[in-house]
Protein backbone atom coordinates (compact mmCIF):
# COMPACT_ATOMS: atom_id res chain seq x y z
CA MET A 1 11.02 -5.09 89.18
CA TRP A 2 8.83 -7.73 90.91
CA LYS A 3 6.24 -5.19 91.19
CA LEU A 4 6.44 -4.58 87.91
CA ILE A 5 6.34 -8.42 86.66
CA ILE A 6 3.13 -9.32 89.62
CA ARG A 7 1.48 -5.88 88.17
CA ARG A 8 2.02 -6.92 84.38
CA CYS A 9 0.54 -10.44 85.14
CA PHE A 10 -2.43 -8.91 86.56
CA ILE A 11 -3.05 -6.96 83.47
CA MET A 12 -2.47 -10.01 81.20
CA ILE A 13 -5.38 -11.70 82.66
CA PRO A 14 -7.92 -9.39 80.31
CA GLN A 15 -5.90 -9.31 77.66
CA LEU A 16 -5.58 -13.05 77.47
CA PHE A 17 -9.22 -13.16 77.77
CA LEU A 18 -9.89 -10.59 75.03
CA LEU A 19 -7.41 -12.46 72.73
CA SER A 20 -9.10 -15.98 73.15
CA VAL A 21 -12.35 -14.36 72.17
CA ILE A 22 -11.10 -12.57 69.12
CA VAL A 23 -9.15 -15.81 67.96
CA PHE A 24 -12.21 -17.79 68.43
CA MET A 25 -14.58 -15.44 66.90
CA ILE A 26 -12.05 -15.36 63.97
CA ALA A 27 -12.30 -19.01 63.55
CA GLN A 28 -15.65 -18.88 63.69
CA ALA A 29 -15.90 -16.71 60.83
CA MET A 30 -14.12 -18.62 58.74
CA PRO A 31 -15.71 -20.33 55.57
CA GLY A 32 -16.84 -24.19 56.61
CA ASP A 33 -15.81 -25.93 59.66
CA PRO A 34 -13.11 -28.07 60.83
CA LEU A 35 -14.43 -31.16 59.17
CA THR A 36 -15.25 -29.52 55.69
CA GLY A 37 -11.51 -29.72 54.38
CA PHE A 38 -11.17 -33.23 55.55
CA TYR A 39 -14.56 -34.46 54.21
CA GLN A 40 -14.62 -33.06 50.94
CA SER A 41 -11.04 -34.85 50.10
CA ASN A 42 -13.54 -38.05 50.68
CA PRO A 43 -16.55 -37.92 48.03
CA ASN A 44 -17.32 -41.52 49.07
CA ILE A 45 -18.48 -40.36 52.67
CA SER A 46 -21.95 -40.03 53.27
CA GLN A 47 -23.67 -36.94 54.72
CA GLU A 48 -24.94 -38.78 57.34
CA VAL A 49 -21.61 -39.66 58.70
CA ILE A 50 -20.48 -35.99 58.33
CA ASP A 51 -23.63 -34.88 60.62
CA ALA A 52 -22.71 -37.45 62.99
CA GLN A 53 -19.07 -36.32 63.39
CA ARG A 54 -20.04 -32.80 63.69
CA GLU A 55 -22.44 -33.73 66.46
CA ARG A 56 -19.60 -35.33 68.24
CA TYR A 57 -17.19 -32.78 68.09
CA GLY A 58 -19.93 -30.27 69.37
CA LEU A 59 -19.57 -28.24 66.25
CA ASN A 60 -23.61 -27.86 66.11
CA ASP A 61 -23.54 -26.11 69.66
CA PRO A 62 -24.11 -22.27 69.70
CA TRP A 63 -20.97 -20.35 69.62
CA TYR A 64 -20.87 -19.29 73.28
CA VAL A 65 -20.93 -23.02 74.45
CA GLN A 66 -18.01 -23.89 71.99
CA TYR A 67 -16.20 -21.16 73.40
CA VAL A 68 -16.72 -22.07 76.90
CA ARG A 69 -15.79 -25.81 76.12
CA TRP A 70 -12.63 -24.79 74.07
CA VAL A 71 -11.35 -22.37 76.91
CA GLY A 72 -11.95 -24.99 79.54
CA ASN A 73 -9.91 -27.73 77.95
CA ALA A 74 -7.05 -25.03 76.70
CA LEU A 75 -6.91 -24.04 80.59
CA GLN A 76 -6.06 -27.68 81.21
CA GLY A 77 -3.84 -27.89 78.35
CA ASP A 78 -6.14 -29.68 76.01
CA PHE A 79 -6.28 -27.80 72.67
CA GLY A 80 -8.34 -30.83 70.95
CA ASP A 81 -7.02 -33.21 67.86
CA SER A 82 -6.02 -32.32 64.80
CA TYR A 83 -8.26 -32.66 62.31
CA GLN A 84 -6.14 -33.65 59.44
CA GLN A 85 -3.61 -35.61 61.28
CA ARG A 86 -5.68 -36.88 64.07
CA ILE A 87 -3.08 -36.64 66.88
CA PRO A 88 -3.34 -33.85 69.65
CA VAL A 89 -2.71 -30.37 68.65
CA THR A 90 -0.12 -30.14 71.08
CA GLU A 91 1.97 -33.17 69.55
CA VAL A 92 1.34 -31.35 66.01
CA ILE A 93 2.80 -28.35 67.21
CA ASP A 94 5.39 -29.67 69.63
CA ASN A 95 7.06 -31.63 66.32
CA ARG A 96 7.49 -27.80 65.05
CA ILE A 97 8.09 -25.54 67.72
CA TRP A 98 11.42 -26.06 68.75
CA ASN A 99 12.56 -25.67 64.94
CA THR A 100 11.26 -21.96 64.76
CA ILE A 101 12.40 -21.20 68.28
CA TRP A 102 16.10 -22.20 67.24
CA LEU A 103 15.60 -20.31 63.59
CA SER A 104 14.51 -17.39 65.53
CA LEU A 105 17.17 -16.96 68.06
CA LEU A 106 19.75 -17.59 65.24
CA THR A 107 18.46 -14.89 63.01
CA LEU A 108 18.28 -12.69 66.43
CA ILE A 109 22.07 -13.46 67.01
CA MET A 110 22.71 -12.49 63.09
CA THR A 111 20.46 -9.35 63.14
CA TYR A 112 22.53 -7.91 66.25
CA MET A 113 25.78 -9.25 64.69
CA ILE A 114 25.04 -7.02 61.88
CA ALA A 115 23.06 -4.36 63.00
CA ILE A 116 25.12 -3.15 66.04
CA PRO A 117 28.34 -2.32 63.98
CA LEU A 118 26.53 -1.28 61.16
CA GLY A 119 24.42 1.28 63.54
CA LEU A 120 27.64 2.34 65.37
CA LEU A 121 29.55 2.94 62.12
CA SER A 122 26.78 5.00 60.62
CA GLY A 123 25.91 6.98 63.72
CA ARG A 124 29.84 7.85 64.10
CA TYR A 125 30.54 9.10 60.52
CA ASN A 126 26.91 10.32 59.85
CA ASP A 127 26.87 12.30 56.54
CA THR A 128 29.87 10.56 54.79
CA LEU A 129 30.24 8.01 52.09
CA LEU A 130 30.21 5.37 54.73
CA ASP A 131 26.83 6.29 56.36
CA ARG A 132 25.19 6.75 53.19
CA ALA A 133 26.22 3.32 52.04
CA ILE A 134 24.82 1.85 54.97
CA THR A 135 21.58 4.06 55.20
CA GLY A 136 21.26 3.20 51.43
CA TYR A 137 21.10 -0.35 52.40
CA THR A 138 18.59 0.17 54.97
CA TYR A 139 16.27 1.85 52.59
CA VAL A 140 16.52 -0.96 50.18
CA GLY A 141 15.51 -3.43 53.28
CA PHE A 142 12.79 -1.32 54.38
CA ALA A 143 11.61 -1.50 50.67
CA ALA A 144 12.43 -5.08 49.99
CA PRO A 145 9.68 -7.80 51.07
CA VAL A 146 11.57 -10.68 52.83
CA PHE A 147 9.82 -13.64 50.37
CA ILE A 148 11.53 -11.62 47.55
CA THR A 149 14.94 -11.63 49.33
CA SER A 150 14.42 -15.26 50.71
CA LEU A 151 13.89 -16.48 47.06
CA LEU A 152 16.78 -14.63 45.34
CA MET A 153 19.42 -16.15 48.75
CA LEU A 154 17.94 -19.71 47.85
CA PHE A 155 18.40 -19.23 44.45
CA LEU A 156 21.75 -18.03 44.67
CA PHE A 157 23.20 -19.83 47.64
CA GLY A 158 21.13 -22.93 47.36
CA PHE A 159 20.86 -23.89 43.76
CA GLN A 160 23.33 -21.74 41.86
CA LEU A 161 26.17 -22.11 44.36
CA GLY A 162 25.24 -25.13 46.38
CA TRP A 163 26.63 -23.68 49.44
CA PHE A 164 23.41 -24.41 51.76
CA PRO A 165 20.79 -27.47 51.56
CA THR A 166 17.60 -26.18 49.71
CA GLY A 167 14.86 -27.85 52.27
CA GLY A 168 14.16 -29.51 55.75
CA SER A 169 15.64 -29.08 58.89
CA VAL A 170 18.35 -31.78 59.05
CA SER A 171 20.08 -34.09 56.87
CA PRO A 172 18.07 -37.83 56.72
CA HIS A 173 21.32 -39.54 57.42
CA ALA A 174 22.06 -37.41 60.63
CA GLN A 175 21.71 -39.45 63.78
CA PRO A 176 19.97 -37.82 66.80
CA GLY A 177 22.28 -37.04 69.70
CA THR A 178 25.20 -36.99 67.56
CA PHE A 179 27.53 -33.76 66.89
CA GLY A 180 27.00 -34.34 63.18
CA TYR A 181 23.31 -33.80 63.60
CA VAL A 182 23.71 -30.54 65.43
CA LEU A 183 26.24 -29.40 62.33
CA SER A 184 23.18 -30.56 60.31
CA LYS A 185 20.70 -28.38 62.20
CA ILE A 186 22.93 -25.54 61.65
CA ASN A 187 23.86 -25.73 58.51
CA HIS A 188 20.16 -25.83 57.48
CA MET A 189 19.13 -22.76 59.36
CA LEU A 190 21.87 -20.59 58.14
CA LEU A 191 20.52 -19.53 55.07
CA PRO A 192 16.81 -18.91 56.21
CA ALA A 193 18.10 -16.72 59.25
CA PHE A 194 20.63 -14.99 57.35
CA SER A 195 17.54 -14.35 54.50
CA LEU A 196 15.35 -12.91 57.36
CA ALA A 197 18.23 -11.36 59.39
CA ILE A 198 19.10 -8.92 56.80
CA ILE A 199 15.88 -7.41 56.35
CA THR A 200 14.96 -7.39 60.26
CA THR A 201 18.38 -5.62 60.75
CA VAL A 202 17.47 -2.49 59.06
CA SER A 203 15.17 -1.00 61.91
CA THR A 204 17.94 -1.70 64.51
CA VAL A 205 20.44 -0.15 62.26
CA GLN A 206 18.26 3.33 62.31
CA TYR A 207 17.39 3.15 65.56
CA LEU A 208 21.01 2.78 66.67
CA ARG A 209 22.29 5.58 64.06
CA SER A 210 19.76 8.00 65.22
CA GLU A 211 20.39 7.27 69.05
CA LEU A 212 24.04 7.55 68.37
CA ILE A 213 24.00 11.26 66.52
CA ASP A 214 21.60 12.43 69.55
CA GLN A 215 24.05 11.25 72.23
CA LYS A 216 27.12 12.88 70.65
CA GLN A 217 25.73 16.12 71.37
CA SER A 218 24.85 15.29 74.95
CA ASP A 219 26.56 17.18 78.25
CA TYR A 220 28.19 13.87 79.23
CA VAL A 221 30.05 13.50 75.84
CA ARG A 222 31.47 17.13 75.87
CA THR A 223 32.50 16.79 79.75
CA ALA A 224 34.54 13.69 78.73
CA ARG A 225 36.24 15.57 75.94
CA ALA A 226 36.90 18.64 78.06
CA ARG A 227 38.57 15.72 80.52
CA GLY A 228 40.86 14.76 77.63
CA ALA A 229 39.28 11.39 76.96
CA SER A 230 40.19 10.09 73.71
CA GLU A 231 37.61 9.96 70.72
CA ARG A 232 37.99 6.36 71.01
CA ARG A 233 37.12 5.78 74.25
CA ILE A 234 34.19 7.91 74.00
CA TYR A 235 32.72 6.17 70.88
CA LEU A 236 33.84 2.56 72.53
CA LYS A 237 32.60 2.84 75.99
CA HIS A 238 30.59 6.04 76.92
CA LEU A 239 28.50 6.31 73.65
CA PRO A 240 27.21 2.31 73.08
CA ARG A 241 26.21 2.24 76.60
CA ASN A 242 23.64 4.69 76.46
CA SER A 243 23.06 4.45 72.66
CA LEU A 244 21.96 0.61 72.94
CA LEU A 245 19.19 1.21 75.59
CA PRO A 246 16.44 1.50 72.80
CA ILE A 247 17.60 -1.69 71.20
CA ALA A 248 17.37 -3.48 74.70
CA ALA A 249 14.06 -2.25 74.88
CA PHE A 250 13.01 -3.75 71.77
CA PHE A 251 14.57 -7.16 72.50
CA GLY A 252 11.39 -8.86 73.51
CA TYR A 253 9.35 -7.63 70.74
CA GLU A 254 11.94 -8.69 68.05
CA LEU A 255 12.08 -11.99 69.60
CA THR A 256 8.34 -12.65 69.57
CA GLY A 257 8.16 -10.70 66.36
CA LEU A 258 10.55 -13.40 64.81
CA ILE A 259 8.71 -16.26 65.94
CA GLY A 260 5.83 -15.09 64.26
CA GLY A 261 7.50 -13.62 61.41
CA THR A 262 9.28 -16.63 59.80
CA ILE A 263 5.86 -17.85 58.09
CA PHE A 264 7.21 -17.01 54.57
CA VAL A 265 10.58 -17.86 55.14
CA GLU A 266 9.73 -21.33 56.20
CA MET A 267 7.54 -21.92 53.22
CA ILE A 268 10.17 -20.81 50.94
CA PHE A 269 12.84 -22.92 52.57
CA SER A 270 10.95 -25.69 53.23
CA TYR A 271 11.59 -25.52 56.55
CA PRO A 272 9.23 -27.41 59.03
CA GLY A 273 8.58 -24.97 61.77
CA MET A 274 5.56 -23.09 62.99
CA GLY A 275 5.06 -20.75 59.91
CA GLN A 276 4.87 -23.53 57.49
CA LEU A 277 2.49 -25.63 59.67
CA PHE A 278 0.48 -22.59 60.26
CA LEU A 279 -0.23 -21.85 56.60
CA SER A 280 -0.89 -25.63 55.34
CA SER A 281 -3.06 -25.82 58.36
CA ILE A 282 -4.91 -22.66 56.99
CA MET A 283 -5.13 -24.36 53.42
CA GLN A 284 -6.41 -27.74 54.59
CA ARG A 285 -8.71 -26.13 57.32
CA ASP A 286 -7.58 -27.59 60.23
CA TYR A 287 -9.08 -25.25 62.58
CA SER A 288 -7.81 -26.43 65.66
CA VAL A 289 -4.19 -26.21 64.71
CA VAL A 290 -4.83 -22.48 63.57
CA THR A 291 -6.69 -21.27 66.47
CA THR A 292 -4.04 -22.76 68.97
CA MET A 293 -0.86 -21.19 66.92
CA VAL A 294 -2.93 -17.50 66.53
CA LEU A 295 -3.33 -18.00 70.42
CA LEU A 296 0.04 -18.93 71.25
CA PHE A 297 1.40 -16.11 68.85
CA GLY A 298 -0.88 -13.69 70.77
CA VAL A 299 0.50 -15.02 74.20
CA ALA A 300 4.31 -14.62 72.96
CA SER A 301 3.49 -11.05 71.76
CA ILE A 302 2.12 -10.15 75.20
CA LEU A 303 5.11 -12.18 77.05
CA GLY A 304 7.42 -10.28 74.76
CA ALA A 305 6.00 -6.88 75.61
CA LEU A 306 6.57 -7.93 79.57
CA LEU A 307 10.42 -9.08 78.71
CA SER A 308 11.08 -5.82 76.82
CA ASP A 309 9.92 -3.78 79.68
CA ILE A 310 11.91 -5.99 82.31
CA ILE A 311 14.81 -6.06 80.48
CA LEU A 312 14.67 -1.90 79.78
CA SER A 313 14.09 -1.61 83.77
CA ILE A 314 17.33 -3.41 84.57
CA VAL A 315 19.58 -1.89 82.03
CA ASP A 316 18.26 1.51 83.03
CA PRO A 317 16.90 1.85 86.40
CA ARG A 318 16.10 5.47 86.29
CA ILE A 319 13.32 4.52 83.94
CA LYS A 320 10.00 3.69 86.07
CA ILE A 321 7.73 1.46 84.15
CA LYS A 322 4.16 1.51 85.22
């Protein structure tokens, strides 16, 4: 396993380099520059001041000079300052990143709590009325955009029934460090997490159903039946162990995908996380924040692929990943 990790780390170096080039070039191709959005909202600022600020931040330098400077600073943990908030980008992101991480973890827990039972039931009782109901739900989930589902959940459970908060990440009266503060954080995450989980669940259900149906015809299942093993033991012990391998393989991808996939959910629920920050930074042309977040999302995706391979090699040592 350690050879796999070391080999993948070396492979990640050119991947990260290519990712940084793509991110930087996309930022360069965007209209205007980082100062455009800030100074357009202040018509009283003269053009001379704007030109002086562009010179100060090195925005008049050739793109390759700006790229080298940006990469050099990033390797030292310096991603520049937010042009809108006038504080370091690391502070801006640090205020939001943990909200998104906890929301993604709760969504992942809900996803598996819903998907694994549904997938096992659908695979065991395939071609029955129960299976058709579950697969019908997955078809609707594949077709339904996450923002539509989130809006419906917000309207029904937030505004109509009033069971959950409709915005924010914690109650303004909660004191940090107390048990009530933790409960408030969880309460604010439940509805956004569930809205995202009922959509992300569908692919896991389909994977698990298909794998279980295939495993039911395997030789080891027929051997277990020939030895007198009960159907209950087969479906609770033997089949899930092998059917869950594809789910384990996609764990890293799902986790990192959720971190980047919470953008619309956070905007709809006014949840102060990375997704909401990303969209607001694009609209405000806060390019230093945008490029840093895109780079972080890309790095998370690369690490997610590595995590999935490591998990797969642990749960099934027979698989050799190169």
